[in-house]
Amino acid sequence: MFTLRLFCDVASQRSFSAAAVRHEITQSAASQRIGQLEKQLGITLIDRSVRPLTLTAAGEIFYTEARELIQRYDRLTQRLSKMAGSEGVDSDLRGEVVVEAIYSAGIDLLNHLKDEFESTRPRVTVTIDYKRPEEVYDAVSHQRCDLGILSYPQRWRDVEVIPLRDERMCVACGPGHPLASRQSVRASQLGDWEMATFEAELPAGRAIRRYLREQDVEPTIASVFDNIDTIKAAIEVTDQIAILPKRTIKRELEAGTLKAITLEPRLVRPMGIILPKRSRGMGTLSPAAQAFVDYLLEHAGPEAEATGSGKESVGAR
């Protein structure tokens, strides 16, 4: 089981050294272990000729099945622990939870929750990688991670969606902009100013454009970007405005470099957790992954959003 866990960590981290650190062995020992596994199987699992490392076709298959074996083993040990009447079940959890999220899911928020979750579950490691929305979906649908976090989740056939929270959108602009002194603005009034926004193929870009069409607004789109960080930087130094989730500009609001104006009618950005479809009703999530999903729903879900608990997000997409 140790070698399987080590291989899965090498595969998810794309690095022998990172996996070695996690298992408290040397990089050489990690490489030798995987080499022995490949020799035993008679097939190459990892392409070492590129950086970062990539899995071969056989490696991808082995990774998917190995993770399922580990999850089944962890579920079994957790079940036996409960049968034995062990106290502090959460502290008995073990394994790795691999999460892929869009940048604006909240780097600060998720890292804070990860640290809190791991602090009471010392044998669980949560790894969070930040990707574009289509990359998050692809990783979940092909079971290269345990769960994904993204905005505007759809009813995809091969993933399960768990609603996480709705984030209120606002109009963001520089402090010297004519809108900066206003408390609210109607969407129908936004045609008077140049706008920076998301690329049309991104979920946020499509949603904002659809909203403006429904409000009979033809905005003057001056800048188009693929992430929130660049949009924020653009409106800080220009007279452009942008429609963004308010929580993603918290730092700029505190620093006074941006202003947030309430947008009417209300527009929200839905956030969701996505899981491989096989997990629905079949219990294929590992106990550690299920515990982290529950933790997210409790600490980053609607109630947390409403009360403002947790750290706020920075980032993109």
Foldseek 3Di string as FASTA:
>chain_A
DVLLQLLLVCALVLALCVSCVVVVHHSVVSVVSVVVVCVVVVHAQWDPPDPSIHGDPVVLVSSQVSVLVVLVVQQVVLVVCVVVVDPLSQLVHAGEAEEEEAQQLFPQQVVVLQVVSCVSHVRYHYHYHHDAPVVRVVCQLSVSGFKYKYWPDDPDPFKDKDWFAKFWKWKKAFCPAPCQPAQADELQPQQVFEAEEEDCVGPRNVQVVVVSVVVVHDHHHDHYYHKDVVRLVVRLPDNHMYIDRPLQCVVCVVVRSMGTHHYPPIDIIIMIMMHGPCCVVNPSRRPSNVVSVVSSSVCVGHVVNVVVPGHTGYMID
